[in-house]
Amino acid sequence: MAREATLPTVTDANLVLGFLNNRYLLGGDFPVFADKARAVIERRLAAPLGVSAVEAAWGVHQLANSNMARAVAAVSSERGRDPRRFTLMAFGGGGPIHAAGLARLLHVTQIIIPPSPGVFSCFGLLFSDVEHHLVQAQVKSLSQLGLASMNRTLDRLREQARGLLEQEGFAAGYQQLVTEADLKYQGQTSHLRVRFEGPNLDRDGLEALQAAFHREHEANYGYRLDSELELVNLRVRARGLDQVARVPETLSLSSDGFRPQVRSRRIYQGPSQTDWIEAPVRGRLELEGKDLHGPALIEEYDSTTLIPSGWSARLDRRLNIILEREA
């Protein structure tokens, strides 16, 4: 995994902390050199800081969680959305290792880890709807807006959208068009996207659009202004609707039945807990009909899930791992 000449990575830190299999990944197809991971942590971080390799690795792991928490805050709490009201979805090769730590920082109490999390983005490419986004810049204050010109622009965008969907093989009955506008208060540098209904916009519709923007702004930022609104863009989002569901009832690969050969591993839980502890290692399907309480690990062909103390894991009917913080 790590060469001694490289800078330490989060993966190196997770190896040192015992969160990753220190012999191989991908069911044995990808060898791991845990000694080199420890060496690079010791030389590049631990020795200069005067701490142990484990302490340095724990710092790297925590720093990664903090960086992700700031990124989530930028699209949630900073936009008026309370993360505590949401469920965190974790995927990727390393995401499920950090999910519970990230959830703790965000005060989220439930996490979903889909089947085959390491290739979940590939599933998204395969099963996502066909969608086109058409945008026309039209920077004007709403008080100066010419409704006839605006409706002509919308008609043209819709005609283009229908043509694109027809080229994709979607007949008229299997097309969905959504009309949106990017609006802002005059003087603001950022805008909010607001959806509106109806084929054309009249004066009543324009008032409804303004009211929708005020509500959205207050939901995002906690206040509204008695200021002139400015239109930035007109948008038409065109989606092709399949006659049958694109997403199967369950997402699974042959590797979902992966069963770890090593049934327990020592993991580090941090200086404020019990430090090193022997944690059971299980496969995803071993959770069927039972709860797995942390500390524990769920090792799969393409990913590893860390269940810290104070969390439990179970499977739902779609084979998602549901992590929940215990009271």
C-alpha atoms as a PDB file:
ATOM      1  CA  MET A   1       0.000   0.000   0.000  1.00  0.00           C
ATOM      2  CA  ALA A   2       2.577   2.596   1.071  1.00  0.00           C
ATOM      3  CA  ARG A   3       6.178   3.020  -0.057  1.00  0.00           C
ATOM      4  CA  GLU A   4       8.550   4.326   2.572  1.00  0.00           C
ATOM      5  CA  ALA A   5       9.468   7.306   0.378  1.00  0.00           C
ATOM      6  CA  THR A   6       5.885   8.602   0.117  1.00  0.00           C
ATOM      7  CA  LEU A   7       3.913  10.920   2.350  1.00  0.00           C
ATOM      8  CA  PRO A   8       1.492   9.223   4.756  1.00  0.00           C
ATOM      9  CA  THR A   9      -2.081   8.740   3.585  1.00  0.00           C
ATOM     10  CA  VAL A  10      -5.387   8.132   5.347  1.00  0.00           C
ATOM     11  CA  THR A  11      -5.166   4.525   4.166  1.00  0.00           C
ATOM     12  CA  ASP A  12      -1.787   4.175   5.913  1.00  0.00           C
ATOM     13  CA  ALA A  13      -3.355   5.542   9.099  1.00  0.00           C
ATOM     14  CA  ASN A  14      -6.302   3.136   8.909  1.00  0.00           C
ATOM     15  CA  LEU A  15      -3.898   0.238   8.500  1.00  0.00           C
ATOM     16  CA  VAL A  16      -1.919   1.275  11.572  1.00  0.00           C
ATOM     17  CA  LEU A  17      -5.152   1.617  13.577  1.00  0.00           C
ATOM     18  CA  GLY A  18      -6.294  -1.880  12.575  1.00  0.00           C
ATOM     19  CA  PHE A  19      -9.360  -0.713  10.679  1.00  0.00           C
ATOM     20  CA  LEU A  20      -8.155  -2.309   7.436  1.00  0.00           C
ATOM     21  CA  ASN A  21      -6.990  -5.858   6.878  1.00  0.00           C
ATOM     22  CA  ASN A  22      -3.210  -5.603   7.287  1.00  0.00           C
ATOM     23  CA  ARG A  23      -2.451  -8.495   4.921  1.00  0.00           C
ATOM     24  CA  TYR A  24      -4.594  -7.914   1.856  1.00  0.00           C
ATOM     25  CA  LEU A  25      -7.637  -6.227   0.351  1.00  0.00           C
ATOM     26  CA  LEU A  26     -10.065  -7.396  -2.356  1.00  0.00           C
ATOM     27  CA  GLY A  27     -10.340 -10.821  -0.788  1.00  0.00           C
ATOM     28  CA  GLY A  28      -6.611 -11.467  -1.182  1.00  0.00           C
ATOM     29  CA  ASP A  29      -6.211 -10.102  -4.709  1.00  0.00           C
ATOM     30  CA  PHE A  30      -4.452  -6.956  -3.507  1.00  0.00           C
ATOM     31  CA  PRO A  31      -1.525  -7.451  -1.100  1.00  0.00           C
ATOM     32  CA  VAL A  32      -0.979  -4.888   1.649  1.00  0.00           C
ATOM     33  CA  PHE A  33       2.336  -3.963   3.254  1.00  0.00           C
ATOM     34  CA  ALA A  34       1.272  -2.757   6.677  1.00  0.00           C
ATOM     35  CA  ASP A  35       4.873  -2.501   7.897  1.00  0.00           C
ATOM     36  CA  LYS A  36       5.587   0.163   5.276  1.00  0.00           C
ATOM     37  CA  ALA A  37       2.444   2.044   6.244  1.00  0.00           C
ATOM     38  CA  ARG A  38       3.628   2.139   9.861  1.00  0.00           C
ATOM     39  CA  ALA A  39       7.145   3.134   8.781  1.00  0.00           C
ATOM     40  CA  VAL A  40       6.003   6.134   6.769  1.00  0.00           C
ATOM     41  CA  ILE A  41       3.709   7.273   9.603  1.00  0.00           C
ATOM     42  CA  GLU A  42       6.548   6.950  12.113  1.00  0.00           C
ATOM     43  CA  ARG A  43       9.173   8.756  10.032  1.00  0.00           C
ATOM     44  CA  ARG A  44       7.085  11.519   8.456  1.00  0.00           C
ATOM     45  CA  LEU A  45       4.678  12.291  11.314  1.00  0.00           C
ATOM     46  CA  ALA A  46       5.304  10.551  14.618  1.00  0.00           C
ATOM     47  CA  ALA A  47       9.032  11.287  14.956  1.00  0.00           C
ATOM     48  CA  PRO A  48       8.819  15.004  14.049  1.00  0.00           C
ATOM     49  CA  LEU A  49       5.856  15.474  16.411  1.00  0.00           C
ATOM     50  CA  GLY A  50       7.338  13.403  19.221  1.00  0.00           C
ATOM     51  CA  VAL A  51       4.378  11.030  19.434  1.00  0.00           C
ATOM     52  CA  SER A  52       3.826   7.334  18.769  1.00  0.00           C
ATOM     53  CA  ALA A  53       2.869   5.975  15.336  1.00  0.00           C
ATOM     54  CA  VAL A  54      -0.567   5.076  16.686  1.00  0.00           C
ATOM     55  CA  GLU A  55      -1.169   8.582  18.031  1.00  0.00           C
ATOM     56  CA  ALA A  56      -0.087  10.078  14.712  1.00  0.00           C
ATOM     57  CA  ALA A  57      -2.316   7.677  12.767  1.00  0.00           C
ATOM     58  CA  TRP A  58      -5.263   8.519  15.030  1.00  0.00           C
ATOM     59  CA  GLY A  59      -4.675  12.199  14.322  1.00  0.00           C
ATOM     60  CA  VAL A  60      -4.695  11.565  10.561  1.00  0.00           C
ATOM     61  CA  HIS A  61      -7.951   9.601  10.854  1.00  0.00           C
ATOM     62  CA  GLN A  62      -9.581  12.332  12.952  1.00  0.00           C
ATOM     63  CA  LEU A  63      -8.365  15.060  10.598  1.00  0.00           C
ATOM     64  CA  ALA A  64      -9.951  13.238   7.646  1.00  0.00           C
ATOM     65  CA  ASN A  65     -13.250  13.070   9.551  1.00  0.00           C
ATOM     66  CA  SER A  66     -13.056  16.778  10.370  1.00  0.00           C
ATOM     67  CA  ASN A  67     -12.394  17.731   6.747  1.00  0.00           C
ATOM     68  CA  MET A  68     -15.392  15.712   5.596  1.00  0.00           C
ATOM     69  CA  ALA A  69     -17.566  17.236   8.336  1.00  0.00           C
ATOM     70  CA  ARG A  70     -16.697  20.736   7.115  1.00  0.00           C
ATOM     71  CA  ALA A  71     -17.594  19.731   3.558  1.00  0.00           C
ATOM     72  CA  VAL A  72     -20.963  18.361   4.715  1.00  0.00           C
ATOM     73  CA  ALA A  73     -21.615  21.498   6.767  1.00  0.00           C
ATOM     74  CA  ALA A  74     -21.066  23.612   3.656  1.00  0.00           C
ATOM     75  CA  VAL A  75     -24.031  21.934   1.955  1.00  0.00           C
ATOM     76  CA  SER A  76     -26.227  21.448   5.030  1.00  0.00           C
ATOM     77  CA  SER A  77     -26.057  23.656   8.122  1.00  0.00           C
ATOM     78  CA  GLU A  78     -24.583  26.589   6.185  1.00  0.00           C
ATOM     79  CA  ARG A  79     -27.647  26.374   3.947  1.00  0.00           C
ATOM     80  CA  GLY A  80     -30.145  26.119   6.776  1.00  0.00           C
ATOM     81  CA  ARG A  81     -30.378  22.318   6.810  1.00  0.00           C
ATOM     82  CA  ASP A  82     -29.879  20.587  10.148  1.00  0.00           C
ATOM     83  CA  PRO A  83     -27.718  17.440   9.586  1.00  0.00           C
ATOM     84  CA  ARG A  84     -29.320  15.827  12.659  1.00  0.00           C
ATOM     85  CA  ARG A  85     -32.544  15.465  10.677  1.00  0.00           C
ATOM     86  CA  PHE A  86     -30.875  13.438   7.929  1.00  0.00           C
ATOM     87  CA  THR A  87     -29.441   9.962   7.428  1.00  0.00           C
ATOM     88  CA  LEU A  88     -25.829   9.740   6.278  1.00  0.00           C
ATOM     89  CA  MET A  89     -25.129   7.519   3.273  1.00  0.00           C
ATOM     90  CA  ALA A  90     -21.583   6.151   3.136  1.00  0.00           C
ATOM     91  CA  PHE A  91     -19.965   4.375   0.206  1.00  0.00           C
ATOM     92  CA  GLY A  92     -16.658   3.958  -1.546  1.00  0.00           C
ATOM     93  CA  GLY A  93     -13.724   1.831  -0.491  1.00  0.00           C
ATOM     94  CA  GLY A  94     -12.938   3.958   2.566  1.00  0.00           C
ATOM     95  CA  GLY A  95     -16.160   5.847   3.285  1.00  0.00           C
ATOM     96  CA  PRO A  96     -17.721   3.229   5.608  1.00  0.00           C
ATOM     97  CA  ILE A  97     -14.597   3.291   7.797  1.00  0.00           C
ATOM     98  CA  HIS A  98     -15.100   6.996   8.487  1.00  0.00           C
ATOM     99  CA  ALA A  99     -18.915   7.070   8.499  1.00  0.00           C
ATOM    100  CA  ALA A 100     -19.531   6.723  12.238  1.00  0.00           C
ATOM    101  CA  GLY A 101     -16.801   9.213  13.115  1.00  0.00           C
ATOM    102  CA  LEU A 102     -18.245  11.701  10.656  1.00  0.00           C
ATOM    103  CA  ALA A 103     -21.772  11.085  11.974  1.00  0.00           C
ATOM    104  CA  ARG A 104     -20.576  11.781  15.518  1.00  0.00           C
ATOM    105  CA  LEU A 105     -19.238  15.191  14.483  1.00  0.00           C
ATOM    106  CA  LEU A 106     -22.493  16.005  12.682  1.00  0.00           C
ATOM    107  CA  HIS A 107     -24.738  14.531  15.435  1.00  0.00           C
ATOM    108  CA  VAL A 108     -26.282  12.165  12.885  1.00  0.00           C
ATOM    109  CA  THR A 109     -27.745   9.014  14.423  1.00  0.00           C
ATOM    110  CA  GLN A 110     -28.276   6.723  11.418  1.00  0.00           C
ATOM    111  CA  ILE A 111     -26.053   5.635   8.526  1.00  0.00           C
ATOM    112  CA  ILE A 112     -26.851   3.606   5.398  1.00  0.00           C
ATOM    113  CA  ILE A 113     -24.115   1.614   3.678  1.00  0.00           C
ATOM    114  CA  PRO A 114     -25.400   0.126   0.397  1.00  0.00           C
ATOM    115  CA  PRO A 115     -24.382  -3.277  -0.983  1.00  0.00           C
ATOM    116  CA  SER A 116     -21.063  -3.327  -2.842  1.00  0.00           C
ATOM    117  CA  PRO A 117     -20.178   0.135  -1.514  1.00  0.00           C
ATOM    118  CA  GLY A 118     -16.808   0.212  -3.248  1.00  0.00           C
ATOM    119  CA  VAL A 119     -18.475   0.280  -6.666  1.00  0.00           C
ATOM    120  CA  PHE A 120     -21.658   2.103  -5.668  1.00  0.00           C
ATOM    121  CA  SER A 121     -20.826   5.059  -7.921  1.00  0.00           C
ATOM    122  CA  CYS A 122     -20.687   2.643 -10.848  1.00  0.00           C
ATOM    123  CA  PHE A 123     -24.218   1.518  -9.987  1.00  0.00           C
ATOM    124  CA  GLY A 124     -25.231   5.157 -10.104  1.00  0.00           C
ATOM    125  CA  LEU A 125     -23.876   5.515 -13.634  1.00  0.00           C
ATOM    126  CA  LEU A 126     -25.671   2.351 -14.732  1.00  0.00           C
ATOM    127  CA  PHE A 127     -29.070   3.008 -13.144  1.00  0.00           C
ATOM    128  CA  SER A 128     -29.477   6.784 -12.994  1.00  0.00           C
ATOM    129  CA  ASP A 129     -32.180   8.380 -15.125  1.00  0.00           C
ATOM    130  CA  VAL A 130     -31.329   9.944 -18.457  1.00  0.00           C
ATOM    131  CA  GLU A 131     -31.423  13.662 -17.782  1.00  0.00           C
ATOM    132  CA  HIS A 132     -30.554  16.847 -19.673  1.00  0.00           C
ATOM    133  CA  HIS A 133     -30.164  20.314 -18.171  1.00  0.00           C
ATOM    134  CA  LEU A 134     -30.773  23.294 -20.441  1.00  0.00           C
ATOM    135  CA  VAL A 135     -29.864  26.743 -19.130  1.00  0.00           C
ATOM    136  CA  GLN A 136     -30.360  30.231 -20.532  1.00  0.00           C
ATOM    137  CA  ALA A 137     -28.794  33.206 -18.759  1.00  0.00           C
ATOM    138  CA  GLN A 138     -31.240  36.103 -18.441  1.00  0.00           C
ATOM    139  CA  VAL A 139     -30.059  38.635 -15.889  1.00  0.00           C
ATOM    140  CA  LYS A 140     -32.913  41.042 -15.189  1.00  0.00           C
ATOM    141  CA  SER A 141     -34.776  42.412 -12.208  1.00  0.00           C
ATOM    142  CA  LEU A 142     -38.219  40.854 -11.904  1.00  0.00           C
ATOM    143  CA  SER A 143     -39.865  44.278 -11.987  1.00  0.00           C
ATOM    144  CA  GLN A 144     -38.385  44.860 -15.453  1.00  0.00           C
ATOM    145  CA  LEU A 145     -39.021  41.356 -16.697  1.00  0.00           C
ATOM    146  CA  GLY A 146     -40.857  40.929 -19.966  1.00  0.00           C
ATOM    147  CA  LEU A 147     -43.096  37.907 -19.504  1.00  0.00           C
ATOM    148  CA  ALA A 148     -43.553  37.378 -23.242  1.00  0.00           C
ATOM    149  CA  SER A 149     -39.782  37.227 -23.815  1.00  0.00           C
ATOM    150  CA  MET A 150     -39.320  34.936 -20.815  1.00  0.00           C
ATOM    151  CA  ASN A 151     -42.025  32.544 -22.019  1.00  0.00           C
ATOM    152  CA  ARG A 152     -40.511  32.444 -25.503  1.00  0.00           C
ATOM    153  CA  THR A 153     -37.196  31.456 -23.936  1.00  0.00           C
ATOM    154  CA  LEU A 154     -38.893  28.719 -21.897  1.00  0.00           C
ATOM    155  CA  ASP A 155     -40.730  27.392 -24.955  1.00  0.00           C
ATOM    156  CA  ARG A 156     -37.462  27.200 -26.867  1.00  0.00           C
ATOM    157  CA  LEU A 157     -35.702  25.368 -24.022  1.00  0.00           C
ATOM    158  CA  ARG A 158     -38.594  22.912 -23.691  1.00  0.00           C
ATOM    159  CA  GLU A 159     -38.583  22.227 -27.429  1.00  0.00           C
ATOM    160  CA  GLN A 160     -34.854  21.502 -27.310  1.00  0.00           C
ATOM    161  CA  ALA A 161     -35.352  19.282 -24.252  1.00  0.00           C
ATOM    162  CA  ARG A 162     -38.066  17.209 -25.921  1.00  0.00           C
ATOM    163  CA  GLY A 163     -35.890  16.783 -28.979  1.00  0.00           C
ATOM    164  CA  LEU A 164     -32.978  15.526 -26.894  1.00  0.00           C
ATOM    165  CA  LEU A 165     -35.177  12.994 -25.110  1.00  0.00           C
ATOM    166  CA  GLU A 166     -36.671  11.788 -28.370  1.00  0.00           C
ATOM    167  CA  GLN A 167     -33.141  11.203 -29.669  1.00  0.00           C
ATOM    168  CA  GLU A 168     -32.539   9.110 -26.548  1.00  0.00           C
ATOM    169  CA  GLY A 169     -35.589   6.982 -27.425  1.00  0.00           C
ATOM    170  CA  PHE A 170     -38.125   8.445 -24.996  1.00  0.00           C
ATOM    171  CA  ALA A 171     -41.555   9.022 -26.529  1.00  0.00           C
ATOM    172  CA  ALA A 172     -43.718  11.960 -25.458  1.00  0.00           C
ATOM    173  CA  GLY A 173     -45.486   9.946 -22.757  1.00  0.00           C
ATOM    174  CA  TYR A 174     -42.150   9.091 -21.112  1.00  0.00           C
ATOM    175  CA  GLN A 175     -40.763  12.588 -20.738  1.00  0.00           C
ATOM    176  CA  GLN A 176     -40.716  14.773 -17.639  1.00  0.00           C
ATOM    177  CA  LEU A 177     -39.864  18.465 -17.896  1.00  0.00           C
ATOM    178  CA  VAL A 178     -39.153  20.567 -14.818  1.00  0.00           C
ATOM    179  CA  THR A 179     -38.884  24.346 -15.069  1.00  0.00           C
ATOM    180  CA  GLU A 180     -36.669  26.267 -12.638  1.00  0.00           C
ATOM    181  CA  ALA A 181     -35.314  29.764 -12.154  1.00  0.00           C
ATOM    182  CA  ASP A 182     -32.128  30.956 -10.451  1.00  0.00           C
ATOM    183  CA  LEU A 183     -32.989  34.043  -8.390  1.00  0.00           C
ATOM    184  CA  LYS A 184     -31.232  36.335  -5.948  1.00  0.00           C
ATOM    185  CA  TYR A 185     -31.725  39.591  -4.120  1.00  0.00           C
ATOM    186  CA  GLN A 186     -30.181  42.480  -6.014  1.00  0.00           C
ATOM    187  CA  GLY A 187     -26.634  42.974  -4.785  1.00  0.00           C
ATOM    188  CA  GLN A 188     -26.131  39.343  -3.790  1.00  0.00           C
ATOM    189  CA  THR A 189     -23.405  37.320  -5.479  1.00  0.00           C
ATOM    190  CA  SER A 190     -25.019  33.889  -5.063  1.00  0.00           C
ATOM    191  CA  HIS A 191     -28.423  32.670  -6.148  1.00  0.00           C
ATOM    192  CA  LEU A 192     -30.989  30.030  -5.197  1.00  0.00           C
ATOM    193  CA  ARG A 193     -32.786  27.713  -7.566  1.00  0.00           C
ATOM    194  CA  VAL A 194     -36.587  27.732  -7.363  1.00  0.00           C
ATOM    195  CA  ARG A 195     -38.954  25.419  -9.183  1.00  0.00           C
ATOM    196  CA  PHE A 196     -42.195  26.706 -10.703  1.00  0.00           C
ATOM    197  CA  GLU A 197     -45.176  25.018 -12.305  1.00  0.00           C
ATOM    198  CA  GLY A 198     -47.112  25.572 -15.496  1.00  0.00           C
ATOM    199  CA  PRO A 199     -46.116  25.837 -19.156  1.00  0.00           C
ATOM    200  CA  ASN A 200     -46.032  29.652 -19.167  1.00  0.00           C
ATOM    201  CA  LEU A 201     -45.495  32.327 -16.562  1.00  0.00           C
ATOM    202  CA  ASP A 202     -48.152  35.017 -15.977  1.00  0.00           C
ATOM    203  CA  ARG A 203     -48.357  37.727 -13.326  1.00  0.00           C
ATOM    204  CA  ASP A 204     -49.868  35.368 -10.749  1.00  0.00           C
ATOM    205  CA  GLY A 205     -47.181  32.838 -11.495  1.00  0.00           C
ATOM    206  CA  LEU A 206     -44.509  35.502 -11.108  1.00  0.00           C
ATOM    207  CA  GLU A 207     -45.842  36.404  -7.663  1.00  0.00           C
ATOM    208  CA  ALA A 208     -45.848  32.728  -6.710  1.00  0.00           C
ATOM    209  CA  LEU A 209     -42.242  32.458  -7.919  1.00  0.00           C
ATOM    210  CA  GLN A 210     -41.196  35.409  -5.749  1.00  0.00           C
ATOM    211  CA  ALA A 211     -42.965  33.935  -2.721  1.00  0.00           C
ATOM    212  CA  ALA A 212     -41.233  30.592  -3.313  1.00  0.00           C
ATOM    213  CA  PHE A 213     -37.854  32.312  -3.420  1.00  0.00           C
ATOM    214  CA  HIS A 214     -38.486  34.171  -0.157  1.00  0.00           C
ATOM    215  CA  ARG A 215     -39.439  30.875   1.522  1.00  0.00           C
ATOM    216  CA  GLU A 216     -36.374  29.107   0.164  1.00  0.00           C
ATOM    217  CA  HIS A 217     -34.063  31.935   1.203  1.00  0.00           C
ATOM    218  CA  GLU A 218     -35.474  31.941   4.720  1.00  0.00           C
ATOM    219  CA  ALA A 219     -35.151  28.141   4.942  1.00  0.00           C
ATOM    220  CA  ASN A 220     -31.524  28.330   3.815  1.00  0.00           C
ATOM    221  CA  TYR A 221     -30.296  31.430   5.599  1.00  0.00           C
ATOM    222  CA  GLY A 222     -32.854  32.155   8.316  1.00  0.00           C
ATOM    223  CA  TYR A 223     -34.100  35.489   7.009  1.00  0.00           C
ATOM    224  CA  ARG A 224     -35.785  37.227   4.085  1.00  0.00           C
ATOM    225  CA  LEU A 225     -35.378  40.734   2.712  1.00  0.00           C
ATOM    226  CA  ASP A 226     -37.821  43.274   1.378  1.00  0.00           C
ATOM    227  CA  SER A 227     -35.612  43.820  -1.653  1.00  0.00           C
ATOM    228  CA  GLU A 228     -35.901  43.617  -5.408  1.00  0.00           C
ATOM    229  CA  LEU A 229     -35.378  40.151  -6.860  1.00  0.00           C
ATOM    230  CA  GLU A 230     -33.184  39.501  -9.843  1.00  0.00           C
ATOM    231  CA  LEU A 231     -33.462  36.642 -12.308  1.00  0.00           C
ATOM    232  CA  VAL A 232     -30.128  35.012 -13.190  1.00  0.00           C
ATOM    233  CA  ASN A 233     -30.970  31.902 -15.237  1.00  0.00           C
ATOM    234  CA  LEU A 234     -33.931  30.053 -16.664  1.00  0.00           C
ATOM    235  CA  ARG A 235     -33.641  26.274 -16.571  1.00  0.00           C
ATOM    236  CA  VAL A 236     -35.439  23.281 -18.022  1.00  0.00           C
ATOM    237  CA  ARG A 237     -34.541  19.875 -16.617  1.00  0.00           C
ATOM    238  CA  ALA A 238     -35.588  17.061 -18.961  1.00  0.00           C
ATOM    239  CA  ARG A 239     -35.792  13.502 -17.643  1.00  0.00           C
ATOM    240  CA  GLY A 240     -36.499  10.328 -19.598  1.00  0.00           C
ATOM    241  CA  LEU A 241     -38.845   7.938 -17.814  1.00  0.00           C
ATOM    242  CA  ASP A 242     -38.278   4.230 -18.355  1.00  0.00           C
ATOM    243  CA  GLN A 243     -41.189   1.864 -18.735  1.00  0.00           C
ATOM    244  CA  VAL A 244     -39.638  -0.414 -16.120  1.00  0.00           C
ATOM    245  CA  ALA A 245     -37.623   0.530 -13.057  1.00  0.00           C
ATOM    246  CA  ARG A 246     -33.946   1.011 -13.825  1.00  0.00           C
ATOM    247  CA  VAL A 247     -32.866   0.096 -10.304  1.00  0.00           C
ATOM    248  CA  PRO A 248     -33.269  -3.589  -9.354  1.00  0.00           C
ATOM    249  CA  GLU A 249     -34.984  -4.596  -6.123  1.00  0.00           C
ATOM    250  CA  THR A 250     -31.593  -5.416  -4.608  1.00  0.00           C
ATOM    251  CA  LEU A 251     -28.108  -4.354  -5.631  1.00  0.00           C
ATOM    252  CA  SER A 252     -25.698  -7.218  -5.294  1.00  0.00           C
ATOM    253  CA  LEU A 253     -22.555  -8.732  -6.713  1.00  0.00           C
ATOM    254  CA  SER A 254     -21.161 -12.214  -6.332  1.00  0.00           C
ATOM    255  CA  SER A 255     -18.690 -10.707  -3.830  1.00  0.00           C
ATOM    256  CA  ASP A 256     -21.555  -9.809  -1.455  1.00  0.00           C
ATOM    257  CA  GLY A 257     -21.282 -13.305   0.013  1.00  0.00           C
ATOM    258  CA  PHE A 258     -17.653 -12.628   0.946  1.00  0.00           C
ATOM    259  CA  ARG A 259     -16.768 -14.122   4.311  1.00  0.00           C
ATOM    260  CA  PRO A 260     -13.636 -12.824   6.072  1.00  0.00           C
ATOM    261  CA  GLN A 261     -11.028 -15.451   6.824  1.00  0.00           C
ATOM    262  CA  VAL A 262      -9.737 -13.625   9.909  1.00  0.00           C
ATOM    263  CA  ARG A 263     -12.596 -13.481  12.402  1.00  0.00           C
ATOM    264  CA  SER A 264     -11.259 -10.802  14.757  1.00  0.00           C
ATOM    265  CA  ARG A 265      -8.748  -7.953  14.717  1.00  0.00           C
ATOM    266  CA  ARG A 266      -7.315  -5.523  17.249  1.00  0.00           C
ATOM    267  CA  ILE A 267      -8.447  -1.985  16.557  1.00  0.00           C
ATOM    268  CA  TYR A 268      -7.636   1.326  18.192  1.00  0.00           C
ATOM    269  CA  GLN A 269     -10.598   3.287  19.547  1.00  0.00           C
ATOM    270  CA  GLY A 270      -8.794   6.432  20.623  1.00  0.00           C
ATOM    271  CA  PRO A 271      -7.171   7.642  23.850  1.00  0.00           C
ATOM    272  CA  SER A 272     -10.501   8.577  25.445  1.00  0.00           C
ATOM    273  CA  GLN A 273     -11.856   5.030  25.177  1.00  0.00           C
ATOM    274  CA  THR A 274     -10.265   1.660  25.864  1.00  0.00           C
ATOM    275  CA  ASP A 275      -7.428   2.098  23.368  1.00  0.00           C
ATOM    276  CA  TRP A 276      -6.848  -1.289  21.714  1.00  0.00           C
ATOM    277  CA  ILE A 277      -9.640  -3.841  21.736  1.00  0.00           C
ATOM    278  CA  GLU A 278     -10.238  -7.160  19.985  1.00  0.00           C
ATOM    279  CA  ALA A 279     -13.124  -6.604  17.584  1.00  0.00           C
ATOM    280  CA  PRO A 280     -15.057  -9.298  15.697  1.00  0.00           C
ATOM    281  CA  VAL A 281     -14.807  -9.213  11.882  1.00  0.00           C
ATOM    282  CA  ARG A 282     -17.874 -10.334   9.945  1.00  0.00           C
ATOM    283  CA  GLY A 283     -19.205 -10.367   6.386  1.00  0.00           C
ATOM    284  CA  ARG A 284     -22.266  -8.389   5.326  1.00  0.00           C
ATOM    285  CA  LEU A 285     -24.605 -11.367   4.944  1.00  0.00           C
ATOM    286  CA  GLU A 286     -23.678 -12.624   8.413  1.00  0.00           C
ATOM    287  CA  LEU A 287     -25.799  -9.765   9.774  1.00  0.00           C
ATOM    288  CA  GLU A 288     -29.045 -11.197   8.404  1.00  0.00           C
ATOM    289  CA  GLY A 289     -31.579 -11.502  11.223  1.00  0.00           C
ATOM    290  CA  LYS A 290     -29.264 -10.178  13.908  1.00  0.00           C
ATOM    291  CA  ASP A 291     -27.660  -7.014  15.257  1.00  0.00           C
ATOM    292  CA  LEU A 292     -23.906  -6.572  15.482  1.00  0.00           C
ATOM    293  CA  HIS A 293     -22.848  -4.276  18.298  1.00  0.00           C
ATOM    294  CA  GLY A 294     -19.649  -2.279  18.222  1.00  0.00           C
ATOM    295  CA  PRO A 295     -16.781  -2.328  18.404  1.00  0.00           C
ATOM    296  CA  ALA A 296     -16.765  -4.532  15.310  1.00  0.00           C
ATOM    297  CA  LEU A 297     -15.803  -4.576  11.637  1.00  0.00           C
ATOM    298  CA  ILE A 298     -17.715  -5.652   8.549  1.00  0.00           C
ATOM    299  CA  GLU A 299     -15.171  -6.690   5.954  1.00  0.00           C
ATOM    300  CA  GLU A 300     -16.209  -7.012   2.318  1.00  0.00           C
ATOM    301  CA  TYR A 301     -14.484  -7.619  -0.969  1.00  0.00           C
ATOM    302  CA  ASP A 302     -14.551  -3.926  -1.872  1.00  0.00           C
ATOM    303  CA  SER A 303     -14.872  -2.068   1.432  1.00  0.00           C
ATOM    304  CA  THR A 304     -14.688  -2.213   5.223  1.00  0.00           C
ATOM    305  CA  THR A 305     -17.195  -0.791   7.703  1.00  0.00           C
ATOM    306  CA  LEU A 306     -16.112   0.307  11.161  1.00  0.00           C
ATOM    307  CA  ILE A 307     -18.714  -0.048  13.926  1.00  0.00           C
ATOM    308  CA  PRO A 308     -17.346   1.824  16.961  1.00  0.00           C
ATOM    309  CA  SER A 309     -18.483   1.387  20.534  1.00  0.00           C
ATOM    310  CA  GLY A 310     -21.937   2.860  21.000  1.00  0.00           C
ATOM    311  CA  TRP A 311     -23.146   1.855  17.520  1.00  0.00           C
ATOM    312  CA  SER A 312     -24.907  -1.233  16.170  1.00  0.00           C
ATOM    313  CA  ALA A 313     -25.401  -2.620  12.670  1.00  0.00           C
ATOM    314  CA  ARG A 314     -28.166  -4.617  10.995  1.00  0.00           C
ATOM    315  CA  LEU A 315     -29.303  -5.502   7.471  1.00  0.00           C
ATOM    316  CA  ASP A 316     -32.510  -4.275   5.899  1.00  0.00           C
ATOM    317  CA  ARG A 317     -34.461  -6.172   3.246  1.00  0.00           C
ATOM    318  CA  ARG A 318     -32.412  -4.599   0.439  1.00  0.00           C
ATOM    319  CA  LEU A 319     -29.170  -5.761   2.087  1.00  0.00           C
ATOM    320  CA  ASN A 320     -28.178  -2.252   3.135  1.00  0.00           C
ATOM    321  CA  ILE A 321     -26.170  -2.083   6.328  1.00  0.00           C
ATOM    322  CA  ILE A 322     -27.985   0.220   8.766  1.00  0.00           C
ATOM    323  CA  LEU A 323     -25.731   1.700  11.415  1.00  0.00           C
ATOM    324  CA  GLU A 324     -27.518   3.286  14.380  1.00  0.00           C
ATOM    325  CA  ARG A 325     -26.181   5.088  17.379  1.00  0.00           C
ATOM    326  CA  GLU A 326     -27.266   3.390  20.563  1.00  0.00           C
ATOM    327  CA  ALA A 327     -28.809   5.371  23.391  1.00  0.00           C
END
